[in-house]
Amino acid sequence: MGVFDKAKHQAEQLAGQAKEALGKATGNDEMKRSGKSDQVSGEAKETGQDIKDRAAGTVDDVKDRFRDDKK
């Protein structure tokens, strides 16, 4: 995963945690839900990026094996 993407997704999660905490502290249910939503969104994006990176790594491994077999 690119460092920038990972940081961006983690920042979204952190902002969501702060928003949720502020919503709880002020009794603002909408802000609390929005914060939780931001956290879930950031986690989903990070998981999706992890899967994408693993798939790319697998494809690279297969390509390397075919190159080695041709030698």
PDB file of N, CA and C in Angstrom:
ATOM      1  N   MET A   1       0.855  -1.167   0.000  1.00  0.00           N
ATOM      2  CA  MET A   1       0.000   0.000   0.000  1.00  0.00           C
ATOM      3  C   MET A   1       0.897   1.223   0.000  1.00  0.00           C
ATOM      4  N   GLY A   2       0.513   2.194  -0.773  1.00  0.00           N
ATOM      5  CA  GLY A   2       1.269   3.419  -0.767  1.00  0.00           C
ATOM      6  C   GLY A   2       1.168   4.102   0.588  1.00  0.00           C
ATOM      7  N   VAL A   3       2.256   4.688   1.008  1.00  0.00           N
ATOM      8  CA  VAL A   3       2.290   5.351   2.310  1.00  0.00           C
ATOM      9  C   VAL A   3       1.247   6.460   2.373  1.00  0.00           C
ATOM     10  N   PHE A   4       1.097   7.189   1.274  1.00  0.00           N
ATOM     11  CA  PHE A   4       0.123   8.282   1.244  1.00  0.00           C
ATOM     12  C   PHE A   4      -1.294   7.749   1.417  1.00  0.00           C
ATOM     13  N   ASP A   5      -1.633   6.681   0.691  1.00  0.00           N
ATOM     14  CA  ASP A   5      -2.980   6.115   0.795  1.00  0.00           C
ATOM     15  C   ASP A   5      -3.252   5.594   2.199  1.00  0.00           C
ATOM     16  N   LYS A   6      -2.286   4.901   2.769  1.00  0.00           N
ATOM     17  CA  LYS A   6      -2.452   4.353   4.119  1.00  0.00           C
ATOM     18  C   LYS A   6      -2.682   5.487   5.119  1.00  0.00           C
ATOM     19  N   ALA A   7      -1.889   6.536   5.022  1.00  0.00           N
ATOM     20  CA  ALA A   7      -2.032   7.678   5.929  1.00  0.00           C
ATOM     21  C   ALA A   7      -3.386   8.354   5.746  1.00  0.00           C
ATOM     22  N   LYS A   8      -3.818   8.465   4.499  1.00  0.00           N
ATOM     23  CA  LYS A   8      -5.104   9.106   4.213  1.00  0.00           C
ATOM     24  C   LYS A   8      -6.260   8.311   4.830  1.00  0.00           C
ATOM     25  N   HIS A   9      -6.230   6.995   4.683  1.00  0.00           N
ATOM     26  CA  HIS A   9      -7.301   6.156   5.224  1.00  0.00           C
ATOM     27  C   HIS A   9      -7.281   6.154   6.752  1.00  0.00           C
ATOM     28  N   GLN A  10      -6.095   6.149   7.330  1.00  0.00           N
ATOM     29  CA  GLN A  10      -5.992   6.188   8.789  1.00  0.00           C
ATOM     30  C   GLN A  10      -6.420   7.548   9.332  1.00  0.00           C
ATOM     31  N   ALA A  11      -6.128   8.611   8.603  1.00  0.00           N
ATOM     32  CA  ALA A  11      -6.562   9.948   9.018  1.00  0.00           C
ATOM     33  C   ALA A  11      -8.082  10.041   8.990  1.00  0.00           C
ATOM     34  N   GLU A  12      -8.705   9.422   8.000  1.00  0.00           N
ATOM     35  CA  GLU A  12     -10.163   9.411   7.927  1.00  0.00           C
ATOM     36  C   GLU A  12     -10.749   8.687   9.141  1.00  0.00           C
ATOM     37  N   GLN A  13     -10.117   7.580   9.520  1.00  0.00           N
ATOM     38  CA  GLN A  13     -10.575   6.838  10.695  1.00  0.00           C
ATOM     39  C   GLN A  13     -10.403   7.669  11.971  1.00  0.00           C
ATOM     40  N   LEU A  14      -9.267   8.330  12.098  1.00  0.00           N
ATOM     41  CA  LEU A  14      -8.989   9.146  13.274  1.00  0.00           C
ATOM     42  C   LEU A  14      -9.958  10.325  13.368  1.00  0.00           C
ATOM     43  N   ALA A  15     -10.216  10.969  12.245  1.00  0.00           N
ATOM     44  CA  ALA A  15     -11.172  12.076  12.231  1.00  0.00           C
ATOM     45  C   ALA A  15     -12.561  11.574  12.622  1.00  0.00           C
ATOM     46  N   GLY A  16     -12.905  10.384  12.162  1.00  0.00           N
ATOM     47  CA  GLY A  16     -14.189   9.796  12.528  1.00  0.00           C
ATOM     48  C   GLY A  16     -14.289   9.521  14.014  1.00  0.00           C
ATOM     49  N   GLN A  17     -13.189   9.056  14.607  1.00  0.00           N
ATOM     50  CA  GLN A  17     -13.179   8.810  16.053  1.00  0.00           C
ATOM     51  C   GLN A  17     -13.390  10.111  16.823  1.00  0.00           C
ATOM     52  N   ALA A  18     -12.724  11.163  16.373  1.00  0.00           N
ATOM     53  CA  ALA A  18     -12.862  12.464  17.029  1.00  0.00           C
ATOM     54  C   ALA A  18     -14.288  12.989  16.883  1.00  0.00           C
ATOM     55  N   LYS A  19     -14.839  12.855  15.690  1.00  0.00           N
ATOM     56  CA  LYS A  19     -16.200  13.323  15.440  1.00  0.00           C
ATOM     57  C   LYS A  19     -17.203  12.540  16.287  1.00  0.00           C
ATOM     58  N   GLU A  20     -17.007  11.229  16.377  1.00  0.00           N
ATOM     59  CA  GLU A  20     -17.900  10.400  17.185  1.00  0.00           C
ATOM     60  C   GLU A  20     -17.815  10.804  18.663  1.00  0.00           C
ATOM     61  N   ALA A  21     -16.601  11.017  19.157  1.00  0.00           N
ATOM     62  CA  ALA A  21     -16.417  11.420  20.558  1.00  0.00           C
ATOM     63  C   ALA A  21     -17.063  12.772  20.835  1.00  0.00           C
ATOM     64  N   LEU A  22     -16.909  13.708  19.907  1.00  0.00           N
ATOM     65  CA  LEU A  22     -17.525  15.022  20.065  1.00  0.00           C
ATOM     66  C   LEU A  22     -19.047  14.904  20.057  1.00  0.00           C
ATOM     67  N   GLY A  23     -19.558  14.056  19.178  1.00  0.00           N
ATOM     68  CA  GLY A  23     -21.002  13.837  19.140  1.00  0.00           C
ATOM     69  C   GLY A  23     -21.528  13.252  20.440  1.00  0.00           C
ATOM     70  N   LYS A  24     -20.775  12.313  21.007  1.00  0.00           N
ATOM     71  CA  LYS A  24     -21.172  11.732  22.299  1.00  0.00           C
ATOM     72  C   LYS A  24     -21.142  12.789  23.396  1.00  0.00           C
ATOM     73  N   ALA A  25     -20.081  13.607  23.402  1.00  0.00           N
ATOM     74  CA  ALA A  25     -19.905  14.609  24.451  1.00  0.00           C
ATOM     75  C   ALA A  25     -20.974  15.693  24.405  1.00  0.00           C
ATOM     76  N   THR A  26     -21.431  16.008  23.201  1.00  0.00           N
ATOM     77  CA  THR A  26     -22.411  17.089  23.057  1.00  0.00           C
ATOM     78  C   THR A  26     -23.839  16.579  22.927  1.00  0.00           C
ATOM     79  N   GLY A  27     -24.000  15.273  22.884  1.00  0.00           N
ATOM     80  CA  GLY A  27     -25.340  14.712  22.729  1.00  0.00           C
ATOM     81  C   GLY A  27     -25.877  14.839  21.313  1.00  0.00           C
ATOM     82  N   ASN A  28     -24.982  15.030  20.355  1.00  0.00           N
ATOM     83  CA  ASN A  28     -25.372  15.191  18.954  1.00  0.00           C
ATOM     84  C   ASN A  28     -25.295  13.822  18.266  1.00  0.00           C
ATOM     85  N   ASP A  29     -26.452  13.164  18.161  1.00  0.00           N
ATOM     86  CA  ASP A  29     -26.488  11.816  17.593  1.00  0.00           C
ATOM     87  C   ASP A  29     -26.080  11.782  16.123  1.00  0.00           C
ATOM     88  N   GLU A  30     -26.424  12.828  15.376  1.00  0.00           N
ATOM     89  CA  GLU A  30     -26.063  12.872  13.954  1.00  0.00           C
ATOM     90  C   GLU A  30     -24.545  12.920  13.790  1.00  0.00           C
ATOM     91  N   MET A  31     -23.881  13.735  14.596  1.00  0.00           N
ATOM     92  CA  MET A  31     -22.423  13.829  14.522  1.00  0.00           C
ATOM     93  C   MET A  31     -21.791  12.499  14.948  1.00  0.00           C
ATOM     94  N   LYS A  32     -22.360  11.879  15.957  1.00  0.00           N
ATOM     95  CA  LYS A  32     -21.844  10.595  16.433  1.00  0.00           C
ATOM     96  C   LYS A  32     -21.945   9.544  15.325  1.00  0.00           C
ATOM     97  N   ARG A  33     -23.100   9.487  14.645  1.00  0.00           N
ATOM     98  CA  ARG A  33     -23.285   8.531  13.537  1.00  0.00           C
ATOM     99  C   ARG A  33     -22.354   8.842  12.371  1.00  0.00           C
ATOM    100  N   SER A  34     -22.200  10.114  12.086  1.00  0.00           N
ATOM    101  CA  SER A  34     -21.320  10.523  10.988  1.00  0.00           C
ATOM    102  C   SER A  34     -19.872  10.128  11.284  1.00  0.00           C
ATOM    103  N   GLY A  35     -19.457  10.284  12.521  1.00  0.00           N
ATOM    104  CA  GLY A  35     -18.105   9.890  12.911  1.00  0.00           C
ATOM    105  C   GLY A  35     -17.893   8.397  12.770  1.00  0.00           C
ATOM    106  N   LYS A  36     -18.883   7.626  13.195  1.00  0.00           N
ATOM    107  CA  LYS A  36     -18.785   6.169  13.065  1.00  0.00           C
ATOM    108  C   LYS A  36     -18.726   5.788  11.593  1.00  0.00           C
ATOM    109  N   SER A  37     -19.518   6.457  10.775  1.00  0.00           N
ATOM    110  CA  SER A  37     -19.529   6.206   9.333  1.00  0.00           C
ATOM    111  C   SER A  37     -18.157   6.499   8.716  1.00  0.00           C
ATOM    112  N   ASP A  38     -17.534   7.591   9.133  1.00  0.00           N
ATOM    113  CA  ASP A  38     -16.199   7.937   8.632  1.00  0.00           C
ATOM    114  C   ASP A  38     -15.175   6.860   9.000  1.00  0.00           C
ATOM    115  N   GLN A  39     -15.290   6.336  10.212  1.00  0.00           N
ATOM    116  CA  GLN A  39     -14.376   5.279  10.648  1.00  0.00           C
ATOM    117  C   GLN A  39     -14.534   4.031   9.787  1.00  0.00           C
ATOM    118  N   VAL A  40     -15.772   3.621   9.577  1.00  0.00           N
ATOM    119  CA  VAL A  40     -16.042   2.421   8.780  1.00  0.00           C
ATOM    120  C   VAL A  40     -15.567   2.620   7.344  1.00  0.00           C
ATOM    121  N   SER A  41     -15.802   3.801   6.810  1.00  0.00           N
ATOM    122  CA  SER A  41     -15.370   4.104   5.447  1.00  0.00           C
ATOM    123  C   SER A  41     -13.846   4.013   5.319  1.00  0.00           C
ATOM    124  N   GLY A  42     -13.132   4.595   6.258  1.00  0.00           N
ATOM    125  CA  GLY A  42     -11.670   4.537   6.235  1.00  0.00           C
ATOM    126  C   GLY A  42     -11.151   3.116   6.355  1.00  0.00           C
ATOM    127  N   GLU A  43     -11.782   2.326   7.229  1.00  0.00           N
ATOM    128  CA  GLU A  43     -11.378   0.926   7.397  1.00  0.00           C
ATOM    129  C   GLU A  43     -11.628   0.130   6.117  1.00  0.00           C
ATOM    130  N   ALA A  44     -12.776   0.363   5.488  1.00  0.00           N
ATOM    131  CA  ALA A  44     -13.107  -0.356   4.253  1.00  0.00           C
ATOM    132  C   ALA A  44     -12.124  -0.007   3.136  1.00  0.00           C
ATOM    133  N   LYS A  45     -11.790   1.256   3.022  1.00  0.00           N
ATOM    134  CA  LYS A  45     -10.833   1.678   1.991  1.00  0.00           C
ATOM    135  C   LYS A  45      -9.459   1.065   2.237  1.00  0.00           C
ATOM    136  N   GLU A  46      -9.050   1.029   3.503  1.00  0.00           N
ATOM    137  CA  GLU A  46      -7.749   0.446   3.831  1.00  0.00           C
ATOM    138  C   GLU A  46      -7.735  -1.049   3.519  1.00  0.00           C
ATOM    139  N   THR A  47      -8.817  -1.738   3.856  1.00  0.00           N
ATOM    140  CA  THR A  47      -8.920  -3.170   3.562  1.00  0.00           C
ATOM    141  C   THR A  47      -8.913  -3.416   2.056  1.00  0.00           C
ATOM    142  N   GLY A  48      -9.659  -2.609   1.313  1.00  0.00           N
ATOM    143  CA  GLY A  48      -9.683  -2.739  -0.141  1.00  0.00           C
ATOM    144  C   GLY A  48      -8.309  -2.534  -0.752  1.00  0.00           C
ATOM    145  N   GLN A  49      -7.579  -1.560  -0.241  1.00  0.00           N
ATOM    146  CA  GLN A  49      -6.229  -1.300  -0.747  1.00  0.00           C
ATOM    147  C   GLN A  49      -5.297  -2.460  -0.417  1.00  0.00           C
ATOM    148  N   ASP A  50      -5.448  -3.042   0.789  1.00  0.00           N
ATOM    149  CA  ASP A  50      -4.634  -4.204   1.171  1.00  0.00           C
ATOM    150  C   ASP A  50      -4.874  -5.369   0.211  1.00  0.00           C
ATOM    151  N   ILE A  51      -6.142  -5.626  -0.111  1.00  0.00           N
ATOM    152  CA  ILE A  51      -6.489  -6.717  -1.032  1.00  0.00           C
ATOM    153  C   ILE A  51      -5.896  -6.449  -2.410  1.00  0.00           C
ATOM    154  N   LYS A  52      -6.021  -5.219  -2.865  1.00  0.00           N
ATOM    155  CA  LYS A  52      -5.476  -4.837  -4.173  1.00  0.00           C
ATOM    156  C   LYS A  52      -3.959  -5.041  -4.207  1.00  0.00           C
ATOM    157  N   ASP A  53      -3.286  -4.642  -3.140  1.00  0.00           N
ATOM    158  CA  ASP A  53      -1.832  -4.793  -3.075  1.00  0.00           C
ATOM    159  C   ASP A  53      -1.421  -6.261  -3.059  1.00  0.00           C
ATOM    160  N   ARG A  54      -2.154  -7.085  -2.322  1.00  0.00           N
ATOM    161  CA  ARG A  54      -1.839  -8.521  -2.284  1.00  0.00           C
ATOM    162  C   ARG A  54      -2.038  -9.156  -3.653  1.00  0.00           C
ATOM    163  N   ALA A  55      -3.111  -8.772  -4.330  1.00  0.00           N
ATOM    164  CA  ALA A  55      -3.371  -9.322  -5.664  1.00  0.00           C
ATOM    165  C   ALA A  55      -2.253  -8.927  -6.625  1.00  0.00           C
ATOM    166  N   ALA A  56      -1.826  -7.687  -6.553  1.00  0.00           N
ATOM    167  CA  ALA A  56      -0.738  -7.229  -7.422  1.00  0.00           C
ATOM    168  C   ALA A  56       0.544  -7.998  -7.118  1.00  0.00           C
ATOM    169  N   GLY A  57       0.799  -8.264  -5.851  1.00  0.00           N
ATOM    170  CA  GLY A  57       1.976  -9.035  -5.470  1.00  0.00           C
ATOM    171  C   GLY A  57       1.913 -10.452  -6.002  1.00  0.00           C
ATOM    172  N   THR A  58       0.730 -11.055  -5.975  1.00  0.00           N
ATOM    173  CA  THR A  58       0.551 -12.409  -6.492  1.00  0.00           C
ATOM    174  C   THR A  58       0.792 -12.443  -7.994  1.00  0.00           C
ATOM    175  N   VAL A  59       0.275 -11.468  -8.709  1.00  0.00           N
ATOM    176  CA  VAL A  59       0.478 -11.392 -10.156  1.00  0.00           C
ATOM    177  C   VAL A  59       1.966 -11.255 -10.461  1.00  0.00           C
ATOM    178  N   ASP A  60       2.655 -10.428  -9.706  1.00  0.00           N
ATOM    179  CA  ASP A  60       4.100 -10.258  -9.912  1.00  0.00           C
ATOM    180  C   ASP A  60       4.852 -11.560  -9.657  1.00  0.00           C
ATOM    181  N   ASP A  61       4.440 -12.302  -8.622  1.00  0.00           N
ATOM    182  CA  ASP A  61       5.077 -13.596  -8.324  1.00  0.00           C
ATOM    183  C   ASP A  61       4.898 -14.578  -9.478  1.00  0.00           C
ATOM    184  N   VAL A  62       3.701 -14.625 -10.036  1.00  0.00           N
ATOM    185  CA  VAL A  62       3.424 -15.532 -11.156  1.00  0.00           C
ATOM    186  C   VAL A  62       4.262 -15.133 -12.368  1.00  0.00           C
ATOM    187  N   LYS A  63       4.338 -13.851 -12.654  1.00  0.00           N
ATOM    188  CA  LYS A  63       5.152 -13.380 -13.779  1.00  0.00           C
ATOM    189  C   LYS A  63       6.616 -13.768 -13.590  1.00  0.00           C
ATOM    190  N   ASP A  64       7.116 -13.597 -12.372  1.00  0.00           N
ATOM    191  CA  ASP A  64       8.512 -13.949 -12.084  1.00  0.00           C
ATOM    192  C   ASP A  64       8.757 -15.439 -12.291  1.00  0.00           C
ATOM    193  N   ARG A  65       7.824 -16.268 -11.903  1.00  0.00           N
ATOM    194  CA  ARG A  65       7.983 -17.716 -12.076  1.00  0.00           C
ATOM    195  C   ARG A  65       8.029 -18.089 -13.547  1.00  0.00           C
ATOM    196  N   PHE A  66       7.186 -17.455 -14.352  1.00  0.00           N
ATOM    197  CA  PHE A  66       7.206 -17.738 -15.789  1.00  0.00           C
ATOM    198  C   PHE A  66       8.514 -17.277 -16.414  1.00  0.00           C
ATOM    199  N   ARG A  67       9.028 -16.153 -15.981  1.00  0.00           N
ATOM    200  CA  ARG A  67      10.308 -15.664 -16.498  1.00  0.00           C
ATOM    201  C   ARG A  67      11.426 -16.627 -16.126  1.00  0.00           C
ATOM    202  N   ASP A  68      11.402 -17.114 -14.888  1.00  0.00           N
ATOM    203  CA  ASP A  68      12.435 -18.053 -14.428  1.00  0.00           C
ATOM    204  C   ASP A  68      12.363 -19.371 -15.190  1.00  0.00           C
ATOM    205  N   ASP A  69      11.150 -19.826 -15.518  1.00  0.00           N
ATOM    206  CA  ASP A  69      10.981 -21.083 -16.252  1.00  0.00           C
ATOM    207  C   ASP A  69      11.507 -20.977 -17.677  1.00  0.00           C
ATOM    208  N   LYS A  70      11.480 -19.790 -18.252  1.00  0.00           N
ATOM    209  CA  LYS A  70      11.926 -19.603 -19.633  1.00  0.00           C
ATOM    210  C   LYS A  70      13.446 -19.558 -19.742  1.00  0.00           C
ATOM    211  N   LYS A  71      14.133 -19.390 -18.638  1.00  0.00           N
ATOM    212  CA  LYS A  71      15.606 -19.280 -18.672  1.00  0.00           C
ATOM    213  C   LYS A  71      16.250 -20.611 -18.864  1.00  0.00           C
TER     214      LYS A  71
END
